[in-house]
PDB file of all heavy atoms in Angstrom:
ATOM      1  N   LEU A   1      24.791  -6.807  48.108  1.00  0.00           N
ATOM      2  CA  LEU A   1      25.753  -7.766  47.668  1.00  0.00           C
ATOM      3  C   LEU A   1      25.310  -8.651  46.578  1.00  0.00           C
ATOM      4  O   LEU A   1      24.177  -9.111  46.632  1.00  0.00           O
ATOM      5  CB  LEU A   1      26.298  -8.563  48.836  1.00  0.00           C
ATOM      6  CG  LEU A   1      27.050  -7.838  49.948  1.00  0.00           C
ATOM      7  CD1 LEU A   1      27.376  -8.743  51.075  1.00  0.00           C
ATOM      8  CD2 LEU A   1      28.247  -7.054  49.513  1.00  0.00           C
ATOM      9  N   ASP A   2      26.175  -8.965  45.674  1.00  0.00           N
ATOM     10  CA  ASP A   2      25.763 -10.034  44.629  1.00  0.00           C
ATOM     11  C   ASP A   2      25.340 -11.236  45.309  1.00  0.00           C
ATOM     12  O   ASP A   2      24.345 -11.976  44.831  1.00  0.00           O
ATOM     13  CB  ASP A   2      26.943 -10.373  43.729  1.00  0.00           C
ATOM     14  CG  ASP A   2      27.205  -9.332  42.670  1.00  0.00           C
ATOM     15  OD1 ASP A   2      26.379  -8.363  42.662  1.00  0.00           O
ATOM     16  OD2 ASP A   2      27.971  -9.510  41.784  1.00  0.00           O
ATOM     17  N   GLU A   3      25.978 -11.787  46.280  1.00  0.00           N
ATOM     18  CA  GLU A   3      25.655 -13.062  47.081  1.00  0.00           C
ATOM     19  C   GLU A   3      24.213 -13.063  47.542  1.00  0.00           C
ATOM     20  O   GLU A   3      23.526 -14.028  47.403  1.00  0.00           O
ATOM     21  CB  GLU A   3      26.612 -13.323  48.147  1.00  0.00           C
ATOM     22  CG  GLU A   3      28.187 -13.455  47.705  1.00  0.00           C
ATOM     23  CD  GLU A   3      28.870 -12.190  47.739  1.00  0.00           C
ATOM     24  OE1 GLU A   3      28.493 -11.178  47.062  1.00  0.00           O
ATOM     25  OE2 GLU A   3      29.891 -12.133  48.460  1.00  0.00           O
ATOM     26  N   ASP A   4      23.909 -11.908  48.182  1.00  0.00           N
ATOM     27  CA  ASP A   4      22.442 -11.822  48.670  1.00  0.00           C
ATOM     28  C   ASP A   4      21.465 -11.762  47.538  1.00  0.00           C
ATOM     29  O   ASP A   4      20.378 -12.387  47.649  1.00  0.00           O
ATOM     30  CB  ASP A   4      22.442 -10.528  49.520  1.00  0.00           C
ATOM     31  CG  ASP A   4      23.139 -10.571  50.762  1.00  0.00           C
ATOM     32  OD1 ASP A   4      23.519 -11.753  51.264  1.00  0.00           O
ATOM     33  OD2 ASP A   4      23.463  -9.653  51.384  1.00  0.00           O
ATOM     34  N   LEU A   5      21.794 -11.101  46.470  1.00  0.00           N
ATOM     35  CA  LEU A   5      20.797 -10.964  45.255  1.00  0.00           C
ATOM     36  C   LEU A   5      20.719 -12.351  44.698  1.00  0.00           C
ATOM     37  O   LEU A   5      19.594 -12.806  44.378  1.00  0.00           O
ATOM     38  CB  LEU A   5      21.311 -10.049  44.300  1.00  0.00           C
ATOM     39  CG  LEU A   5      21.247  -8.613  44.693  1.00  0.00           C
ATOM     40  CD1 LEU A   5      21.752  -7.700  43.599  1.00  0.00           C
ATOM     41  CD2 LEU A   5      19.768  -8.133  44.918  1.00  0.00           C
ATOM     42  N   GLU A   6      21.810 -13.149  44.740  1.00  0.00           N
ATOM     43  CA  GLU A   6      21.750 -14.518  44.142  1.00  0.00           C
ATOM     44  C   GLU A   6      20.760 -15.481  44.917  1.00  0.00           C
ATOM     45  O   GLU A   6      19.961 -16.143  44.345  1.00  0.00           O
ATOM     46  CB  GLU A   6      23.092 -15.183  43.971  1.00  0.00           C
ATOM     47  CG  GLU A   6      23.134 -16.584  43.496  1.00  0.00           C
ATOM     48  CD  GLU A   6      24.463 -17.067  43.141  1.00  0.00           C
ATOM     49  OE1 GLU A   6      25.393 -16.306  43.045  1.00  0.00           O
ATOM     50  OE2 GLU A   6      24.564 -18.388  43.131  1.00  0.00           O
ATOM     51  N   LYS A   7      20.997 -15.343  46.196  1.00  0.00           N
ATOM     52  CA  LYS A   7      20.061 -16.146  47.140  1.00  0.00           C
ATOM     53  C   LYS A   7      18.635 -15.785  46.892  1.00  0.00           C
ATOM     54  O   LYS A   7      17.679 -16.680  46.920  1.00  0.00           O
ATOM     55  CB  LYS A   7      20.458 -15.916  48.533  1.00  0.00           C
ATOM     56  CG  LYS A   7      21.823 -16.544  48.991  1.00  0.00           C
ATOM     57  CD  LYS A   7      22.087 -16.116  50.438  1.00  0.00           C
ATOM     58  CE  LYS A   7      23.418 -16.664  50.908  1.00  0.00           C
ATOM     59  NZ  LYS A   7      23.794 -16.256  52.306  1.00  0.00           N
ATOM     60  N   TRP A   8      18.375 -14.460  46.761  1.00  0.00           N
ATOM     61  CA  TRP A   8      16.979 -14.076  46.556  1.00  0.00           C
ATOM     62  C   TRP A   8      16.414 -14.483  45.177  1.00  0.00           C
ATOM     63  O   TRP A   8      15.279 -14.870  45.120  1.00  0.00           O
ATOM     64  CB  TRP A   8      16.949 -12.560  46.692  1.00  0.00           C
ATOM     65  CG  TRP A   8      15.515 -12.011  46.551  1.00  0.00           C
ATOM     66  CD1 TRP A   8      14.571 -11.915  47.551  1.00  0.00           C
ATOM     67  CD2 TRP A   8      14.962 -11.482  45.388  1.00  0.00           C
ATOM     68  NE1 TRP A   8      13.386 -11.397  46.961  1.00  0.00           N
ATOM     69  CE2 TRP A   8      13.597 -11.087  45.668  1.00  0.00           C
ATOM     70  CE3 TRP A   8      15.438 -11.288  44.107  1.00  0.00           C
ATOM     71  CZ2 TRP A   8      12.762 -10.580  44.771  1.00  0.00           C
ATOM     72  CZ3 TRP A   8      14.508 -10.690  43.117  1.00  0.00           C
ATOM     73  CH2 TRP A   8      13.211 -10.357  43.519  1.00  0.00           C
ATOM     74  N   VAL A   9      17.200 -14.405  44.142  1.00  0.00           N
ATOM     75  CA  VAL A   9      16.958 -14.852  42.895  1.00  0.00           C
ATOM     76  C   VAL A   9      16.443 -16.335  42.899  1.00  0.00           C
ATOM     77  O   VAL A   9      15.397 -16.682  42.317  1.00  0.00           O
ATOM     78  CB  VAL A   9      17.968 -14.666  41.807  1.00  0.00           C
ATOM     79  CG1 VAL A   9      17.685 -15.375  40.496  1.00  0.00           C
ATOM     80  CG2 VAL A   9      18.131 -13.238  41.540  1.00  0.00           C
ATOM     81  N   ARG A  10      17.190 -17.177  43.474  1.00  0.00           N
ATOM     82  CA  ARG A  10      16.920 -18.631  43.504  1.00  0.00           C
ATOM     83  C   ARG A  10      15.595 -18.986  44.266  1.00  0.00           C
ATOM     84  O   ARG A  10      14.998 -20.015  43.945  1.00  0.00           O
ATOM     85  CB  ARG A  10      18.113 -19.449  44.114  1.00  0.00           C
ATOM     86  CG  ARG A  10      19.392 -19.301  43.320  1.00  0.00           C
ATOM     87  CD  ARG A  10      20.416 -20.293  43.787  1.00  0.00           C
ATOM     88  NE  ARG A  10      21.753 -19.994  43.036  1.00  0.00           N
ATOM     89  CZ  ARG A  10      22.000 -20.492  41.828  1.00  0.00           C
ATOM     90  NH1 ARG A  10      21.118 -21.148  41.177  1.00  0.00           N
ATOM     91  NH2 ARG A  10      23.209 -20.239  41.355  1.00  0.00           N
ATOM     92  N   ASN A  11      15.283 -18.113  45.177  1.00  0.00           N
ATOM     93  CA  ASN A  11      14.028 -18.383  45.854  1.00  0.00           C
ATOM     94  C   ASN A  11      12.728 -17.640  45.234  1.00  0.00           C
ATOM     95  O   ASN A  11      11.605 -17.937  45.699  1.00  0.00           O
ATOM     96  CB  ASN A  11      14.050 -17.699  47.348  1.00  0.00           C
ATOM     97  CG  ASN A  11      14.945 -18.688  48.200  1.00  0.00           C
ATOM     98  OD1 ASN A  11      14.921 -19.912  48.066  1.00  0.00           O
ATOM     99  ND2 ASN A  11      15.744 -18.051  49.108  1.00  0.00           N
ATOM    100  N   ASN A  12      12.989 -16.752  44.215  1.00  0.00           N
ATOM    101  CA  ASN A  12      11.877 -15.970  43.731  1.00  0.00           C
ATOM    102  C   ASN A  12      11.839 -15.937  42.209  1.00  0.00           C
ATOM    103  O   ASN A  12      10.824 -15.489  41.615  1.00  0.00           O
ATOM    104  CB  ASN A  12      12.064 -14.482  44.205  1.00  0.00           C
ATOM    105  CG  ASN A  12      11.819 -14.288  45.685  1.00  0.00           C
ATOM    106  OD1 ASN A  12      10.696 -14.199  46.084  1.00  0.00           O
ATOM    107  ND2 ASN A  12      12.834 -14.384  46.417  1.00  0.00           N
ATOM    108  N   ALA A  13      12.668 -16.604  41.533  1.00  0.00           N
ATOM    109  CA  ALA A  13      12.594 -16.642  40.010  1.00  0.00           C
ATOM    110  C   ALA A  13      11.408 -17.367  39.628  1.00  0.00           C
ATOM    111  O   ALA A  13      10.908 -18.290  40.205  1.00  0.00           O
ATOM    112  CB  ALA A  13      13.886 -17.196  39.455  1.00  0.00           C
ATOM    113  N   ASP A  14      10.811 -16.887  38.510  1.00  0.00           N
ATOM    114  CA  ASP A  14       9.574 -17.512  38.002  1.00  0.00           C
ATOM    115  C   ASP A  14       9.601 -17.457  36.427  1.00  0.00           C
ATOM    116  O   ASP A  14      10.494 -16.894  35.886  1.00  0.00           O
ATOM    117  CB  ASP A  14       8.406 -16.792  38.564  1.00  0.00           C
ATOM    118  CG  ASP A  14       7.121 -17.526  38.492  1.00  0.00           C
ATOM    119  OD1 ASP A  14       7.008 -18.632  37.984  1.00  0.00           O
ATOM    120  OD2 ASP A  14       6.123 -16.969  39.217  1.00  0.00           O
ATOM    121  N   THR A  15       8.575 -18.048  35.819  1.00  0.00           N
ATOM    122  CA  THR A  15       8.575 -18.142  34.347  1.00  0.00           C
ATOM    123  C   THR A  15       7.720 -17.011  33.786  1.00  0.00           C
ATOM    124  O   THR A  15       6.826 -16.597  34.553  1.00  0.00           O
ATOM    125  CB  THR A  15       7.915 -19.420  33.882  1.00  0.00           C
ATOM    126  OG1 THR A  15       7.739 -19.367  32.450  1.00  0.00           O
ATOM    127  CG2 THR A  15       6.531 -19.723  34.472  1.00  0.00           C
ATOM    128  N   VAL A  16       7.981 -16.627  32.630  1.00  0.00           N
ATOM    129  CA  VAL A  16       7.253 -15.557  31.844  1.00  0.00           C
ATOM    130  C   VAL A  16       6.166 -16.378  31.023  1.00  0.00           C
ATOM    131  O   VAL A  16       5.312 -15.670  30.350  1.00  0.00           O
ATOM    132  CB  VAL A  16       8.134 -14.681  30.964  1.00  0.00           C
ATOM    133  CG1 VAL A  16       7.312 -13.497  30.538  1.00  0.00           C
ATOM    134  CG2 VAL A  16       9.304 -14.185  31.789  1.00  0.00           C
ATOM    135  N   ASN A  17       6.324 -17.651  31.052  1.00  0.00           N
ATOM    136  CA  ASN A  17       5.252 -18.460  30.185  1.00  0.00           C
ATOM    137  C   ASN A  17       5.442 -18.341  28.782  1.00  0.00           C
ATOM    138  O   ASN A  17       4.529 -18.057  27.991  1.00  0.00           O
ATOM    139  CB  ASN A  17       3.813 -18.143  30.606  1.00  0.00           C
ATOM    140  CG  ASN A  17       3.667 -18.262  32.040  1.00  0.00           C
ATOM    141  OD1 ASN A  17       4.187 -19.175  32.726  1.00  0.00           O
ATOM    142  ND2 ASN A  17       2.987 -17.309  32.696  1.00  0.00           N
ATOM    143  N   HIS A  18       6.704 -18.347  28.224  1.00  0.00           N
ATOM    144  CA  HIS A  18       7.105 -18.246  26.836  1.00  0.00           C
ATOM    145  C   HIS A  18       7.695 -19.486  26.309  1.00  0.00           C
ATOM    146  O   HIS A  18       8.653 -19.474  25.620  1.00  0.00           O
ATOM    147  CB  HIS A  18       7.940 -17.058  26.588  1.00  0.00           C
ATOM    148  CG  HIS A  18       7.280 -15.721  26.840  1.00  0.00           C
ATOM    149  ND1 HIS A  18       8.080 -14.528  26.864  1.00  0.00           N
ATOM    150  CD2 HIS A  18       5.966 -15.257  27.098  1.00  0.00           C
ATOM    151  CE1 HIS A  18       7.224 -13.469  27.139  1.00  0.00           C
ATOM    152  NE2 HIS A  18       6.094 -13.949  27.244  1.00  0.00           N
ATOM    153  N   CYS A  19       7.129 -20.619  26.561  1.00  0.00           N
ATOM    154  CA  CYS A  19       7.741 -21.899  26.178  1.00  0.00           C
ATOM    155  C   CYS A  19       7.814 -21.983  24.633  1.00  0.00           C
ATOM    156  O   CYS A  19       6.897 -21.574  23.990  1.00  0.00           O
ATOM    157  CB  CYS A  19       6.887 -23.046  26.667  1.00  0.00           C
ATOM    158  SG  CYS A  19       6.787 -23.312  28.479  1.00  0.00           S
ATOM    159  N   SER A  20       8.846 -22.454  24.226  1.00  0.00           N
ATOM    160  CA  SER A  20       9.043 -22.628  22.726  1.00  0.00           C
ATOM    161  C   SER A  20      10.232 -23.624  22.465  1.00  0.00           C
ATOM    162  O   SER A  20      10.880 -24.195  23.391  1.00  0.00           O
ATOM    163  CB  SER A  20       9.372 -21.282  22.089  1.00  0.00           C
ATOM    164  OG  SER A  20      10.634 -20.737  22.589  1.00  0.00           O
ATOM    165  N   GLY A  21      10.417 -23.894  21.148  1.00  0.00           N
ATOM    166  CA  GLY A  21      11.546 -24.689  20.653  1.00  0.00           C
ATOM    167  C   GLY A  21      11.569 -26.130  20.699  1.00  0.00           C
ATOM    168  O   GLY A  21      12.497 -26.785  20.368  1.00  0.00           O
ATOM    169  N   THR A  22      10.483 -26.864  21.178  1.00  0.00           N
ATOM    170  CA  THR A  22      10.486 -28.222  21.425  1.00  0.00           C
ATOM    171  C   THR A  22      10.132 -29.075  20.158  1.00  0.00           C
ATOM    172  O   THR A  22      10.160 -30.266  20.316  1.00  0.00           O
ATOM    173  CB  THR A  22       9.321 -28.628  22.477  1.00  0.00           C
ATOM    174  OG1 THR A  22       8.170 -27.940  22.187  1.00  0.00           O
ATOM    175  CG2 THR A  22       9.892 -28.067  23.870  1.00  0.00           C
ATOM    176  N   ALA A  23       9.941 -28.468  19.081  1.00  0.00           N
ATOM    177  CA  ALA A  23       9.798 -29.192  17.767  1.00  0.00           C
ATOM    178  C   ALA A  23      10.448 -28.255  16.692  1.00  0.00           C
ATOM    179  O   ALA A  23       9.942 -27.919  15.757  1.00  0.00           O
ATOM    180  CB  ALA A  23       8.416 -29.479  17.410  1.00  0.00           C
ATOM    181  N   ARG A  24      11.666 -27.898  17.053  1.00  0.00           N
ATOM    182  CA  ARG A  24      12.376 -26.774  16.268  1.00  0.00           C
ATOM    183  C   ARG A  24      12.710 -27.104  14.794  1.00  0.00           C
ATOM    184  O   ARG A  24      12.783 -28.344  14.456  1.00  0.00           O
ATOM    185  CB  ARG A  24      13.689 -26.408  16.954  1.00  0.00           C
ATOM    186  CG  ARG A  24      14.739 -27.532  16.895  1.00  0.00           C
ATOM    187  CD  ARG A  24      16.044 -27.001  17.589  1.00  0.00           C
ATOM    188  NE  ARG A  24      17.001 -28.095  17.737  1.00  0.00           N
ATOM    189  CZ  ARG A  24      18.096 -27.896  18.399  1.00  0.00           C
ATOM    190  NH1 ARG A  24      18.323 -26.829  19.072  1.00  0.00           N
ATOM    191  NH2 ARG A  24      19.022 -28.938  18.377  1.00  0.00           N
ATOM    192  N   ILE A  25      12.666 -26.053  14.061  1.00  0.00           N
ATOM    193  CA  ILE A  25      13.118 -26.278  12.661  1.00  0.00           C
ATOM    194  C   ILE A  25      14.639 -26.539  12.602  1.00  0.00           C
ATOM    195  O   ILE A  25      15.437 -25.873  13.292  1.00  0.00           O
ATOM    196  CB  ILE A  25      12.898 -24.870  11.866  1.00  0.00           C
ATOM    197  CG1 ILE A  25      11.379 -24.420  12.030  1.00  0.00           C
ATOM    198  CG2 ILE A  25      13.359 -24.962  10.490  1.00  0.00           C
ATOM    199  CD1 ILE A  25      11.183 -22.973  11.388  1.00  0.00           C
ATOM    200  N   GLY A  26      14.922 -27.506  11.806  1.00  0.00           N
ATOM    201  CA  GLY A  26      16.319 -27.914  11.717  1.00  0.00           C
ATOM    202  C   GLY A  26      16.774 -28.172  10.222  1.00  0.00           C
ATOM    203  O   GLY A  26      15.851 -28.123   9.353  1.00  0.00           O
ATOM    204  N   ASN A  27      18.062 -28.460   9.968  1.00  0.00           N
ATOM    205  CA  ASN A  27      18.511 -28.720   8.720  1.00  0.00           C
ATOM    206  C   ASN A  27      18.054 -30.142   8.222  1.00  0.00           C
ATOM    207  O   ASN A  27      17.666 -30.450   7.157  1.00  0.00           O
ATOM    208  CB  ASN A  27      19.964 -28.622   8.561  1.00  0.00           C
ATOM    209  CG  ASN A  27      20.470 -27.190   8.627  1.00  0.00           C
ATOM    210  OD1 ASN A  27      20.241 -26.358   7.815  1.00  0.00           O
ATOM    211  ND2 ASN A  27      21.104 -26.802   9.719  1.00  0.00           N
ATOM    212  N   THR A  28      18.195 -31.017   9.191  1.00  0.00           N
ATOM    213  CA  THR A  28      17.799 -32.472   9.092  1.00  0.00           C
ATOM    214  C   THR A  28      17.281 -32.964  10.382  1.00  0.00           C
ATOM    215  O   THR A  28      17.223 -32.278  11.354  1.00  0.00           O
ATOM    216  CB  THR A  28      19.029 -33.235   8.637  1.00  0.00           C
ATOM    217  OG1 THR A  28      19.911 -33.464   9.826  1.00  0.00           O
ATOM    218  CG2 THR A  28      19.721 -32.746   7.454  1.00  0.00           C
ATOM    219  N   GLU A  29      16.905 -34.142  10.462  1.00  0.00           N
ATOM    220  CA  GLU A  29      16.260 -34.844  11.632  1.00  0.00           C
ATOM    221  C   GLU A  29      17.362 -34.918  12.708  1.00  0.00           C
ATOM    222  O   GLU A  29      17.171 -35.265  13.816  1.00  0.00           O
ATOM    223  CB  GLU A  29      15.629 -36.105  11.366  1.00  0.00           C
ATOM    224  CG  GLU A  29      16.552 -37.109  10.776  1.00  0.00           C
ATOM    225  CD  GLU A  29      15.818 -38.478  10.308  1.00  0.00           C
ATOM    226  OE1 GLU A  29      14.980 -38.288   9.382  1.00  0.00           O
ATOM    227  OE2 GLU A  29      15.972 -39.479  11.026  1.00  0.00           O
ATOM    228  N   LYS A  30      18.663 -34.647  12.282  1.00  0.00           N
ATOM    229  CA  LYS A  30      19.744 -34.816  13.263  1.00  0.00           C
ATOM    230  C   LYS A  30      19.888 -33.567  14.082  1.00  0.00           C
ATOM    231  O   LYS A  30      20.501 -33.680  15.227  1.00  0.00           O
ATOM    232  CB  LYS A  30      21.074 -35.001  12.492  1.00  0.00           C
ATOM    233  CG  LYS A  30      21.204 -36.336  11.795  1.00  0.00           C
ATOM    234  CD  LYS A  30      22.585 -36.576  11.033  1.00  0.00           C
ATOM    235  CE  LYS A  30      22.654 -37.874  10.393  1.00  0.00           C
ATOM    236  NZ  LYS A  30      23.969 -38.102   9.692  1.00  0.00           N
ATOM    237  N   ASP A  31      19.214 -32.487  13.761  1.00  0.00           N
ATOM    238  CA  ASP A  31      19.352 -31.344  14.666  1.00  0.00           C
ATOM    239  C   ASP A  31      17.910 -30.610  14.769  1.00  0.00           C
ATOM    240  O   ASP A  31      17.884 -29.533  15.344  1.00  0.00           O
ATOM    241  CB  ASP A  31      20.239 -30.333  14.067  1.00  0.00           C
ATOM    242  CG  ASP A  31      19.942 -29.798  12.701  1.00  0.00           C
ATOM    243  OD1 ASP A  31      18.937 -30.184  12.114  1.00  0.00           O
ATOM    244  OD2 ASP A  31      20.675 -28.845  12.200  1.00  0.00           O
ATOM    245  N   GLY A  32      16.879 -31.333  14.294  1.00  0.00           N
ATOM    246  CA  GLY A  32      15.521 -30.686  14.394  1.00  0.00           C
ATOM    247  C   GLY A  32      14.419 -31.645  14.327  1.00  0.00           C
ATOM    248  O   GLY A  32      14.643 -32.870  14.106  1.00  0.00           O
ATOM    249  N   VAL A  33      13.234 -31.159  14.387  1.00  0.00           N
ATOM    250  CA  VAL A  33      12.034 -31.930  14.130  1.00  0.00           C
ATOM    251  C   VAL A  33      11.212 -31.712  12.874  1.00  0.00           C
ATOM    252  O   VAL A  33      10.591 -32.544  12.400  1.00  0.00           O
ATOM    253  CB  VAL A  33      11.085 -31.707  15.426  1.00  0.00           C
ATOM    254  CG1 VAL A  33       9.787 -32.510  15.252  1.00  0.00           C
ATOM    255  CG2 VAL A  33      11.840 -32.096  16.757  1.00  0.00           C
ATOM    256  N   VAL A  34      11.228 -30.392  12.449  1.00  0.00           N
ATOM    257  CA  VAL A  34      10.564 -30.035  11.211  1.00  0.00           C
ATOM    258  C   VAL A  34      11.554 -29.390  10.287  1.00  0.00           C
ATOM    259  O   VAL A  34      12.591 -28.842  10.709  1.00  0.00           O
ATOM    260  CB  VAL A  34       9.355 -29.132  11.515  1.00  0.00           C
ATOM    261  CG1 VAL A  34       8.333 -29.825  12.382  1.00  0.00           C
ATOM    262  CG2 VAL A  34       9.794 -27.770  12.093  1.00  0.00           C
ATOM    263  N   ASP A  35      11.250 -29.408   9.086  1.00  0.00           N
ATOM    264  CA  ASP A  35      12.022 -28.717   8.055  1.00  0.00           C
ATOM    265  C   ASP A  35      11.620 -27.241   7.929  1.00  0.00           C
ATOM    266  O   ASP A  35      10.663 -26.835   8.541  1.00  0.00           O
ATOM    267  CB  ASP A  35      12.045 -29.464   6.698  1.00  0.00           C
ATOM    268  CG  ASP A  35      10.688 -29.505   6.026  1.00  0.00           C
ATOM    269  OD1 ASP A  35       9.767 -28.705   6.404  1.00  0.00           O
ATOM    270  OD2 ASP A  35      10.531 -30.297   5.093  1.00  0.00           O
ATOM    271  N   ALA A  36      12.126 -26.490   6.950  1.00  0.00           N
ATOM    272  CA  ALA A  36      11.876 -25.065   6.680  1.00  0.00           C
ATOM    273  C   ALA A  36      10.314 -24.859   6.253  1.00  0.00           C
ATOM    274  O   ALA A  36       9.795 -23.729   6.300  1.00  0.00           O
ATOM    275  CB  ALA A  36      12.805 -24.460   5.835  1.00  0.00           C
ATOM    276  N   GLN A  37       9.704 -25.986   5.813  1.00  0.00           N
ATOM    277  CA  GLN A  37       8.322 -25.891   5.464  1.00  0.00           C
ATOM    278  C   GLN A  37       7.488 -26.370   6.598  1.00  0.00           C
ATOM    279  O   GLN A  37       6.213 -26.509   6.369  1.00  0.00           O
ATOM    280  CB  GLN A  37       8.035 -26.813   4.234  1.00  0.00           C
ATOM    281  CG  GLN A  37       8.827 -26.436   2.957  1.00  0.00           C
ATOM    282  CD  GLN A  37       8.499 -25.026   2.473  1.00  0.00           C
ATOM    283  OE1 GLN A  37       7.281 -24.779   2.171  1.00  0.00           O
ATOM    284  NE2 GLN A  37       9.491 -24.197   2.238  1.00  0.00           N
ATOM    285  N   LEU A  38       8.091 -26.563   7.711  1.00  0.00           N
ATOM    286  CA  LEU A  38       7.358 -26.911   8.974  1.00  0.00           C
ATOM    287  C   LEU A  38       6.781 -28.418   8.837  1.00  0.00           C
ATOM    288  O   LEU A  38       5.927 -28.754   9.676  1.00  0.00           O
ATOM    289  CB  LEU A  38       6.233 -25.998   9.405  1.00  0.00           C
ATOM    290  CG  LEU A  38       6.663 -24.544   9.442  1.00  0.00           C
ATOM    291  CD1 LEU A  38       5.585 -23.668  10.015  1.00  0.00           C
ATOM    292  CD2 LEU A  38       7.917 -24.317  10.208  1.00  0.00           C
TER     293      LEU A  38
END
């Protein structure tokens, strides 16, 4: 059942260790941290 799989997922999900995006490229400082030249 989907319900049983959902319970199991919430108890067993883990990270793949692919953190990203926390100083993202943006058009301006209103939507990002760095410009296209980084």
